[in-house]
Each structure stands twice: as structure tokens, then as C-alpha cells.
Amino acid sequence: MNETLKLKKYSRIGFSSLLLLLAAMVLSGWIIYLMVSLPTSYRANHWDLAWVGFDSAMVGALLLTSWALWKRRQIAIPAAMVSASFLIIDAWFDVATSDPGWDLDLSILLAMVSIAFAVQLLRFSHKAIRQSIRNAYEQAGKELLSDALWQTPLMIFERESRRKKRK
């Protein structure tokens, strides 16, 4: 089945995929514009609000991940991905906005710790998703050809196509 037919088959998903592709293309152009137009330094208004807000959201994500892991809930998987993303982004901006000297040295050290923690959260998410795929296929009585995330179809689309065939 060619790509056009697949997009028609799952029109909402295909439309969302095209919107994401368009957004990535527009953002790529925006990045090029920023590279040539932004000054190397800028005094930001509400700097404290931006960092406190970001760090508060990161704390919320870490707390949700901690609770979900403690209670062994499925929400731990996306929560761990979000927490890892927060940690990586926080490390990037801490290092990128630090002054040379001890401030930068400390930021680099903390960034290495944050990134190591983020990698562990992403490894957990990857392993948990793969195990969930294995369990779902086993319970459905289907043969799993590969548990590689790049090759495993989203089962929700299979369910939608079965519903359409019944009608």
C-alpha cells in the first residue's frame, strides 16, 4: 500500500503527521533566520519568572514520574520521557547562559549529572514500551516479528481499520 493510501486510511493521523512535517519545515526556516539576526546577548524581561516557571514544571514532571514508578502505573512511561526532556533542556540552557568561570564549570558538571539521569529515564521508557509491545502481542495471540520501536505498528490503527471493515 503506497503512502497516499495510508494517509487516506488514517486521515486524522495523516493530517497530523503532515502538520508536524510542516511545523518542522517552518521552524527550520525560523532557526536560520534567528542564526543570522539574533544578537549574542540580550537582557530578558521576566527572566526570574521564566526560570521559576520552567523549573516548577520540571519538578512536577519529576514528581509525577516518581509517583508513577512507585505505584507501577503506565503513566510512568510518558512521564519519564517528559522528565528526561526537561532535564536535557534545562542542562542546555544552564550551560548556554552561564558566564565563563566557576558558573560555567558548575553548570557543565550539573549538566552531566542531569543528562546521565535523563538517559536512564529514556532507557526505562524504551524498555517499558518494548515490554508492553511484547505483552500486547502475546495477549492478542499474535506473532511479534520485531519489538524495535521503528518497525512495530501502532496497534490502535489496526483496531480502527478492523472497525471500518465491519461496517
Foldseek 3Di string as FASTA:
>chain_A
DDPVVVCVLVVVVNVVVVVVVVVVVVVVVVVVVCVPPPDLDDDDPPPVVVVVVLVVVLVVLVVVLVVCVVVVHPVNLVSLQVNLVSLQVVLVVQLSPFDPDPSNVVSPVSSVVSNVSSVVSNVVNLVVQLVVVVVVCVVVVHDDPDSPPVPDDDVVSVVVVVVVVVD
